[in-house]
Protein backbone atom coordinates (compact mmCIF):
# COMPACT_ATOMS: atom_id res chain seq x y z
CA MET A 1 0.32 -0.09 0.04
CA ASN A 2 1.46 3.38 -0.97
CA ARG A 3 -0.67 5.48 0.35
CA ASP A 4 -2.09 6.57 3.57
CA THR A 5 -5.97 5.78 3.02
CA TRP A 6 -7.24 2.83 2.97
CA SER A 7 -10.62 0.73 3.29
CA GLU A 8 -10.69 -2.54 5.14
CA VAL A 9 -13.74 -5.14 4.01
CA SER A 10 -14.67 -7.98 6.62
CA LEU A 11 -14.80 -10.91 4.01
CA SER A 12 -16.17 -12.97 6.95
CA ASN A 13 -18.92 -10.24 7.61
CA ILE A 14 -19.46 -10.48 4.68
CA ARG A 15 -20.10 -14.48 4.37
CA ASN A 16 -22.08 -14.46 7.77
CA ASN A 17 -24.75 -11.89 7.05
CA MET A 18 -25.41 -14.38 4.07
CA LEU A 19 -25.13 -17.31 6.20
CA LYS A 20 -27.81 -15.23 8.36
CA ILE A 21 -29.89 -14.55 5.41
CA ARG A 22 -30.31 -18.05 3.91
CA GLN A 23 -31.70 -19.05 7.99
CA ALA A 24 -34.11 -16.67 7.63
CA LEU A 25 -35.50 -17.67 4.49
CA PRO A 26 -38.26 -20.38 3.91
CA LYS A 27 -36.33 -23.99 3.25
CA ASN A 28 -36.05 -24.75 -0.27
CA VAL A 29 -35.13 -20.61 -1.25
CA LYS A 30 -32.54 -20.31 -4.14
CA LEU A 31 -29.90 -17.63 -3.54
CA MET A 32 -28.89 -15.32 -5.93
CA ALA A 33 -25.56 -12.81 -4.65
CA VAL A 34 -25.60 -9.67 -6.71
CA VAL A 35 -21.85 -8.23 -6.65
CA LYS A 36 -22.69 -5.69 -9.02
CA ALA A 37 -20.67 -2.57 -9.10
CA ASN A 38 -17.10 -4.10 -8.32
CA GLY A 39 -19.20 -6.12 -5.09
CA TYR A 40 -21.42 -2.52 -4.25
CA GLY A 41 -17.34 -1.28 -3.82
CA HIS A 42 -16.56 -3.87 -1.53
CA GLY A 43 -14.52 -6.75 -4.45
CA ASP A 44 -16.97 -8.55 -6.50
CA ILE A 45 -14.58 -11.38 -6.84
CA GLU A 46 -13.51 -11.72 -3.06
CA ALA A 47 -17.91 -10.90 -2.90
CA ALA A 48 -18.49 -14.05 -4.89
CA GLN A 49 -16.61 -16.58 -3.66
CA MET A 50 -17.63 -15.16 0.31
CA ALA A 51 -21.52 -15.55 -1.70
CA GLN A 52 -20.67 -18.90 -3.14
CA GLN A 53 -19.34 -20.06 0.42
CA ALA A 54 -22.81 -18.82 2.34
CA GLY A 55 -24.36 -21.72 -0.42
CA ALA A 56 -25.50 -18.94 -3.35
CA GLU A 57 -26.70 -20.69 -6.19
CA GLN A 58 -26.57 -17.71 -8.45
CA LEU A 59 -25.37 -14.38 -8.86
CA ALA A 60 -26.42 -11.01 -10.48
CA VAL A 61 -24.55 -8.00 -11.88
CA ALA A 62 -25.41 -4.87 -14.14
CA TYR A 63 -23.87 -4.95 -16.91
CA LEU A 64 -21.71 -7.95 -19.38
CA ASP A 65 -18.83 -6.61 -18.66
CA GLU A 66 -18.98 -7.27 -15.35
CA ALA A 67 -20.20 -11.04 -15.93
CA LEU A 68 -17.20 -11.41 -18.03
CA HIS A 69 -14.94 -9.91 -15.08
CA LEU A 70 -16.37 -12.74 -12.65
CA ARG A 71 -15.68 -15.10 -15.36
CA THR A 72 -12.11 -14.53 -16.43
CA ASN A 73 -11.25 -14.50 -12.49
CA GLY A 74 -12.54 -18.29 -12.30
CA ILE A 75 -15.93 -17.72 -11.11
CA THR A 76 -18.30 -20.69 -12.03
CA LEU A 77 -21.91 -19.77 -10.73
CA PRO A 78 -24.84 -19.39 -12.72
CA ILE A 79 -24.51 -15.66 -13.66
CA LEU A 80 -27.84 -13.26 -14.50
CA ILE A 81 -27.25 -9.36 -16.05
CA LEU A 82 -29.72 -7.10 -15.06
CA THR A 83 -29.37 -4.76 -17.72
CA PRO A 84 -30.23 -5.84 -21.57
CA ILE A 85 -27.25 -6.07 -23.31
CA HIS A 86 -27.02 -5.39 -27.08
CA PRO A 87 -28.09 -8.46 -29.20
CA SER A 88 -24.64 -8.05 -30.91
CA SER A 89 -23.24 -9.35 -27.79
CA VAL A 90 -25.32 -12.63 -27.88
CA LYS A 91 -22.63 -15.17 -28.58
CA LEU A 92 -20.11 -13.67 -26.11
CA ALA A 93 -22.65 -13.98 -23.54
CA ILE A 94 -23.48 -17.97 -24.59
CA GLU A 95 -20.15 -18.52 -25.11
CA HIS A 96 -19.45 -17.40 -21.24
CA ASP A 97 -23.19 -19.61 -19.69
CA LEU A 98 -24.49 -15.94 -19.07
CA MET A 99 -28.76 -15.50 -18.21
CA LEU A 100 -29.52 -11.87 -19.95
CA THR A 101 -32.95 -10.03 -19.22
CA VAL A 102 -35.08 -9.76 -21.61
CA THR A 103 -37.72 -6.79 -22.10
CA SER A 104 -39.53 -6.64 -25.93
CA ALA A 105 -39.60 -9.00 -28.85
CA ALA A 106 -38.06 -6.54 -30.52
CA TRP A 107 -35.12 -7.42 -29.17
CA PHE A 108 -35.17 -11.04 -29.32
CA SER A 109 -36.44 -9.89 -33.55
CA GLU A 110 -32.16 -7.81 -33.87
CA MET A 111 -30.71 -10.49 -31.69
CA ARG A 112 -30.86 -13.26 -34.90
CA GLU A 113 -29.01 -11.83 -36.81
CA TYR A 114 -26.41 -12.68 -34.45
CA LYS A 115 -27.80 -16.47 -33.24
CA PRO A 116 -29.35 -18.60 -35.68
CA PRO A 117 -32.17 -20.34 -33.99
CA TYR A 118 -30.44 -23.80 -35.72
CA ALA A 119 -27.02 -22.54 -33.10
CA THR A 120 -26.70 -25.52 -31.38
CA LYS A 121 -25.79 -23.54 -27.84
CA LYS A 122 -28.85 -23.02 -25.88
CA LEU A 123 -29.78 -19.00 -24.64
CA ARG A 124 -30.59 -18.82 -21.05
CA VAL A 125 -32.80 -15.51 -20.35
CA HIS A 126 -34.48 -14.03 -17.32
CA VAL A 127 -37.77 -11.78 -18.32
CA LYS A 128 -38.27 -8.60 -16.68
CA LEU A 129 -41.67 -7.21 -15.70
CA ASP A 130 -41.96 -3.85 -14.22
CA THR A 131 -44.86 -3.98 -11.87
CA GLY A 132 -44.48 -0.56 -10.53
CA LEU A 133 -40.56 0.01 -10.33
CA GLY A 134 -40.59 2.40 -14.16
CA ARG A 135 -37.65 1.24 -14.84
CA ILE A 136 -37.34 -1.85 -17.70
CA GLY A 137 -39.24 -4.37 -17.97
CA ILE A 138 -42.49 -5.25 -20.04
CA GLN A 139 -45.93 -3.89 -18.84
CA GLU A 140 -48.33 -4.34 -20.82
CA LYS A 141 -50.10 -7.66 -22.11
CA PRO A 142 -49.98 -7.45 -25.55
CA GLN A 143 -46.14 -6.34 -25.15
CA TRP A 144 -45.82 -10.09 -23.42
CA GLU A 145 -47.91 -11.77 -26.07
CA GLU A 146 -45.54 -10.69 -28.73
CA LEU A 147 -42.55 -12.27 -26.80
CA VAL A 148 -43.58 -15.32 -25.90
CA PRO A 149 -43.04 -16.53 -29.33
CA TRP A 150 -39.39 -15.66 -29.14
CA LEU A 151 -39.78 -17.49 -25.62
CA LYS A 152 -40.73 -20.43 -26.64
CA ALA A 153 -38.05 -20.41 -29.70
CA ALA A 154 -36.02 -24.60 -28.71
CA ASP A 155 -33.23 -22.43 -28.33
CA VAL A 156 -34.31 -20.51 -25.61
CA VAL A 157 -34.97 -21.33 -21.68
CA VAL A 158 -36.66 -19.01 -20.29
CA GLU A 159 -34.70 -18.96 -16.42
CA GLY A 160 -36.70 -17.08 -15.12
CA ILE A 161 -39.06 -14.49 -14.63
CA TYR A 162 -38.91 -11.31 -11.85
CA THR A 163 -40.11 -8.05 -10.63
CA HIS A 164 -38.24 -5.18 -8.78
CA PHE A 165 -40.53 -3.35 -5.95
CA ALA A 166 -40.05 0.57 -5.37
CA THR A 167 -40.47 1.09 -1.24
CA ALA A 168 -39.03 -2.57 -0.27
CA GLY A 169 -37.03 -0.30 2.35
CA ARG A 170 -40.31 2.01 3.91
CA GLU A 171 -42.61 1.23 6.54
CA ASP A 172 -45.63 1.89 4.56
CA THR A 173 -45.99 -0.83 2.62
CA SER A 174 -49.06 -0.16 0.44
CA PHE A 175 -47.46 0.12 -2.79
CA LEU A 176 -44.99 -2.54 -2.53
CA LYS A 177 -48.89 -4.60 -1.82
CA GLN A 178 -49.76 -3.03 -5.58
CA GLN A 179 -46.96 -4.17 -6.91
CA TYR A 180 -46.50 -7.93 -5.03
CA LYS A 181 -50.23 -8.26 -6.72
CA ARG A 182 -49.54 -6.61 -10.16
CA PHE A 183 -46.56 -9.44 -10.21
CA VAL A 184 -49.05 -12.68 -9.44
CA ASP A 185 -51.31 -11.50 -12.04
CA MET A 186 -48.72 -10.78 -14.39
CA MET A 187 -47.65 -14.74 -13.38
CA GLU A 188 -50.41 -15.54 -14.53
CA TRP A 189 -49.45 -14.53 -18.34
CA ALA A 190 -46.84 -17.30 -18.46
CA LYS A 191 -49.23 -19.84 -17.06
CA GLU A 192 -51.31 -18.96 -19.91
CA SER A 193 -49.46 -19.76 -22.66
CA ARG A 194 -48.23 -22.36 -21.53
CA LEU A 195 -44.53 -21.81 -20.77
CA ALA A 196 -41.64 -23.49 -18.63
CA VAL A 197 -40.54 -20.83 -16.44
CA ASN A 198 -37.44 -22.55 -13.77
CA SER A 199 -38.39 -19.99 -11.50
CA TYR A 200 -40.30 -17.16 -10.35
CA HIS A 201 -38.77 -14.07 -8.07
CA CYS A 202 -39.62 -10.91 -6.92
CA ALA A 203 -37.72 -9.64 -3.62
CA GLY A 204 -34.25 -8.15 -2.97
CA SER A 205 -32.27 -7.63 -0.07
CA ALA A 206 -34.66 -5.36 1.72
CA ALA A 207 -38.10 -7.45 0.89
CA ALA A 208 -36.67 -10.46 1.65
CA LEU A 209 -35.99 -9.94 4.82
CA ARG A 210 -39.03 -8.03 6.03
CA PHE A 211 -41.19 -10.38 3.91
CA PRO A 212 -39.55 -13.57 3.76
CA GLN A 213 -42.89 -15.02 2.45
CA LEU A 214 -42.40 -13.05 -0.51
CA ALA A 215 -39.46 -15.24 -1.41
CA MET A 216 -41.36 -17.27 -3.87
CA ASP A 217 -38.32 -19.51 -5.60
CA MET A 218 -34.85 -17.26 -4.95
CA VAL A 219 -34.65 -13.70 -3.68
CA ARG A 220 -32.04 -11.50 -4.94
CA ILE A 221 -29.32 -10.08 -2.26
CA GLY A 222 -27.20 -7.45 -2.49
CA ALA A 223 -27.13 -4.10 -0.20
CA ALA A 224 -28.27 -5.99 2.99
CA MET A 225 -24.81 -9.13 1.85
CA TYR A 226 -22.58 -5.96 3.03
CA GLY A 227 -24.73 -5.03 6.14
CA PHE A 228 -26.79 -2.35 4.52
CA TYR A 229 -30.67 -2.84 5.34
CA PRO A 230 -33.05 -0.86 6.80
CA LYS A 231 -32.55 -2.16 10.25
CA LYS A 232 -35.47 -0.92 12.49
CA LEU A 233 -37.87 -2.78 10.40
CA VAL A 234 -36.23 -6.15 10.73
CA PRO A 235 -35.32 -6.33 14.40
CA THR A 236 -35.48 -10.15 14.10
CA ILE A 237 -31.96 -9.78 12.74
CA GLU A 238 -28.66 -8.35 12.91
CA LEU A 239 -26.43 -7.90 10.30
CA GLU A 240 -22.72 -6.44 9.90
CA PRO A 241 -21.09 -3.68 7.78
CA ALA A 242 -18.08 -5.39 6.17
CA LEU A 243 -16.36 -2.18 4.71
CA SER A 244 -14.40 0.55 7.09
CA LEU A 245 -12.50 3.28 5.53
CA HIS A 246 -9.44 4.81 6.91
CA SER A 247 -6.88 7.55 6.83
CA THR A 248 -4.17 9.16 8.53
CA LEU A 249 -3.71 13.08 9.81
CA MET A 250 -0.85 13.85 7.40
CA GLN A 251 -0.36 17.21 9.00
CA VAL A 252 -1.77 18.96 12.32
CA LYS A 253 -1.12 22.34 12.61
CA LYS A 254 -3.07 25.54 15.03
CA LEU A 255 -5.67 27.61 13.46
CA TYR A 256 -5.78 31.29 14.92
CA LYS A 257 -9.64 32.82 15.51
CA GLY A 258 -10.87 34.74 12.20
CA GLU A 259 -8.19 32.61 9.69
CA TYR A 260 -9.93 30.93 7.02
CA LEU A 261 -9.49 27.35 5.64
CA GLY A 262 -9.98 25.75 2.50
CA TYR A 263 -11.23 26.66 -0.93
CA ASP A 264 -13.52 29.95 -1.14
CA ASN A 265 -12.56 30.96 2.23
CA ALA A 266 -15.26 28.46 2.83
CA TYR A 267 -14.52 28.31 7.15
CA GLN A 268 -13.75 30.36 9.27
CA ALA A 269 -12.53 29.76 12.87
CA GLU A 270 -14.19 31.63 15.34
CA GLU A 271 -11.76 30.60 18.07
CA ASP A 272 -7.42 29.51 18.30
CA GLN A 273 -8.40 25.42 17.24
CA TRP A 274 -6.34 22.64 16.01
CA VAL A 275 -6.63 21.49 12.77
CA GLY A 276 -5.62 18.29 10.34
CA THR A 277 -5.15 17.27 6.76
CA VAL A 278 -6.38 14.17 5.43
CA PRO A 279 -5.19 12.57 2.44
CA ILE A 280 -8.79 11.85 1.02
CA GLY A 281 -11.18 13.59 -1.66
CA TYR A 282 -13.65 13.35 -3.64
CA ALA A 283 -11.75 11.71 -6.08
CA ASP A 284 -10.90 8.75 -3.89
CA GLY A 285 -15.18 9.09 -3.65
CA TRP A 286 -15.15 11.51 -0.93
CA SER A 287 -17.23 14.06 -2.14
CA GLN A 288 -18.06 17.48 -1.18
CA SER A 289 -21.72 16.31 -0.17
CA MET A 290 -19.79 14.71 2.35
CA GLN A 291 -18.81 18.00 4.40
CA GLY A 292 -20.05 18.72 7.63
CA THR A 293 -20.02 15.47 8.54
CA GLU A 294 -16.97 13.38 11.67
CA LEU A 295 -14.58 11.09 11.38
CA LEU A 296 -12.24 10.04 14.20
CA VAL A 297 -9.05 10.72 14.87
CA GLY A 298 -7.75 8.77 18.61
CA GLY A 299 -11.71 7.66 19.35
CA ARG A 300 -13.14 10.64 19.77
CA ARG A 301 -15.28 12.18 16.47
CA ALA A 302 -14.46 15.42 14.76
CA LYS A 303 -16.00 17.48 12.32
CA VAL A 304 -14.87 17.80 8.68
CA VAL A 305 -14.34 21.64 7.94
CA GLY A 306 -13.86 23.50 4.43
CA LYS A 307 -14.55 22.63 1.29
CA ILE A 308 -13.48 19.00 0.44
CA CYS A 309 -10.59 18.94 -1.94
CA MET A 310 -9.85 16.82 -4.67
CA ASP A 311 -7.26 14.95 -2.61
CA GLN A 312 -7.89 15.85 0.87
CA LEU A 313 -9.40 17.56 3.48
CA MET A 314 -9.40 19.44 6.85
CA VAL A 315 -10.56 18.14 9.94
CA ARG A 316 -11.67 20.32 13.44
CA LEU A 317 -9.33 18.35 15.69
CA PRO A 318 -10.30 18.36 19.70
CA GLY A 319 -7.42 19.01 20.55
CA PRO A 320 -3.59 18.72 19.36
CA CYS A 321 -2.85 15.36 17.87
CA GLU A 322 0.30 13.23 16.62
CA GLU A 323 0.76 13.30 13.03
CA GLY A 324 0.33 10.16 11.67
CA SER A 325 -2.70 9.52 13.59
CA VAL A 326 -4.91 6.64 12.22
CA VAL A 327 -8.09 9.07 11.40
CA THR A 328 -10.96 6.46 11.05
CA LEU A 329 -14.32 7.77 8.18
CA ILE A 330 -16.23 4.93 8.66
CA GLY A 331 -15.90 2.47 10.77
CA ARG A 332 -15.24 2.52 14.87
CA GLN A 333 -12.94 3.21 17.02
CA GLY A 334 -13.07 1.84 20.95
CA SER A 335 -16.40 2.76 21.96
CA GLU A 336 -17.47 5.31 18.93
CA GLU A 337 -18.34 4.57 15.54
CA ILE A 338 -18.67 6.40 12.46
CA THR A 339 -21.56 4.23 10.15
CA PHE A 340 -22.87 3.89 6.90
CA ALA A 341 -26.20 4.76 7.71
CA GLU A 342 -24.83 8.08 9.68
CA LEU A 343 -23.20 9.20 6.93
CA ALA A 344 -26.21 7.95 4.11
CA ALA A 345 -28.93 10.23 6.16
CA HIS A 346 -26.28 13.45 5.54
CA ILE A 347 -26.65 13.15 2.00
CA ASN A 348 -29.93 12.40 1.90
CA SER A 349 -29.18 8.81 -0.01
CA VAL A 350 -28.37 5.16 0.68
CA PRO A 351 -25.01 3.66 2.06
CA GLN A 352 -24.45 1.76 -0.98
CA GLU A 353 -24.16 5.10 -2.60
CA ILE A 354 -21.35 5.40 -0.26
CA SER A 355 -19.89 2.09 -1.05
CA THR A 356 -19.85 2.01 -4.65
CA SER A 357 -18.31 5.48 -4.51
CA LEU A 358 -14.63 4.92 -3.33
CA THR A 359 -12.88 4.85 -6.40
CA ALA A 360 -9.94 2.32 -7.06
CA ARG A 361 -7.12 4.90 -5.54
CA VAL A 362 -8.51 3.93 -1.97
CA THR A 363 -7.17 0.24 -1.75
CA ARG A 364 -9.25 -2.17 -0.51
CA LYS A 365 -7.31 -4.83 2.28
CA TYR A 366 -9.38 -8.13 3.19
CA ASN A 367 -9.66 -9.28 6.33
CA ASP A 368 -10.99 -11.43 8.74
CA LYS A 369 -13.94 -9.91 11.15
CA GLY A 370 -12.19 -8.55 14.04
CA GLU A 371 -9.01 -7.68 12.59
CA ALA A 372 -9.20 -4.48 11.31
CA GLN A 373 -10.83 -3.14 14.79
CA LYS A 374 -8.06 -4.55 17.41
CA ARG A 375 -5.49 -2.89 14.60
CA TRP A 376 -7.05 0.32 14.97
CA ASP A 377 -7.32 -0.44 19.29
CA LYS A 378 -3.68 -0.70 19.14
CA ARG A 379 -2.84 2.25 16.42
CA ILE A 380 -4.94 4.52 19.29
CA ILE A 381 -2.68 3.21 22.05
CA GLN A 382 0.33 3.98 20.70
CA SER A 383 -0.78 7.32 19.65
CA SER A 384 -1.71 8.42 23.02
CA SER A 385 1.46 7.34 24.76
CA LYS A 386 2.78 9.86 21.99
CA GLY A 387 1.01 12.14 22.94
CA ALA A 388 -2.01 12.42 21.05
CA ILE A 389 -5.09 12.85 21.93
CA ILE A 390 -7.71 10.43 22.79
């Protein structure tokens, strides 16, 4: 590691989260682990390996390139690509044994230019139905009827039919119930068409944890795999975040009353104070929206002040601290903790936006549960002995 900013990823937390989720689901329900966006910023290969150890039968990604990356790194589980690929890439998908999301007859029509119906290898697909999220998918029965002949082709296997809920993480479940009823009604289209379908699935992380009765044949676990879930709405399960983020104090200085700090004089000291500079900025994924959040230094909270720069940020310290002291932006030091949920609330978003925003400049270090915390506690003690504030 050639810089003083890095993340710690607990592989055991990912695996244990999946095991807990598995135990909370009805028996015989398949588990699809979502490892898109580089495993929600945790590492796609590592996340896929942990999911497989926990018994996941399938994986899901957003794009073809993500699936190919898994395949070229030895991941052999069935993989669903959640976003429709270009028809010209169908041969590549079949070659690597990938399942494709389809949403229209037009896609099939164009695809046939690249895959003749007499080709020996079969095309495995999941049909996406739009029940209210409004993103992608079939909405009306005429669209379905137009698609059916293509789905019944001898070289096509319908692995699944699925939808996705828009409000599964909200306390109000009225819209979720509407979507579920809509999906059940649309499932009848397949039965009326006498179409062979291997699985039906509608529940992502929040829905699967809150309403196991909606699991159907399979659930898609993404955010919860990494410890992101509506904890207050699911009191029966305890999942652990898998990622923590750390840096160091690269410089500590005294800022006197009336002096300015940062671009555009965004911060002015109302009194004499100690400030520190931390080598992480918006080019690392720590955006300017994080201004005003807190981080941990010596086991105490300290507020980010001034505008966050491309490569650095400044923090008001609780007192004089030793340069080189460990700074925790996400995670625990002693009895204090900065959580994804806290930061997500500050930027009016979700935890996974934060984890997926961390760029490749932030090194991922993979550890078993507990190793990172012991290391920070040790460094804090060492810093304290040198005169740092704790």
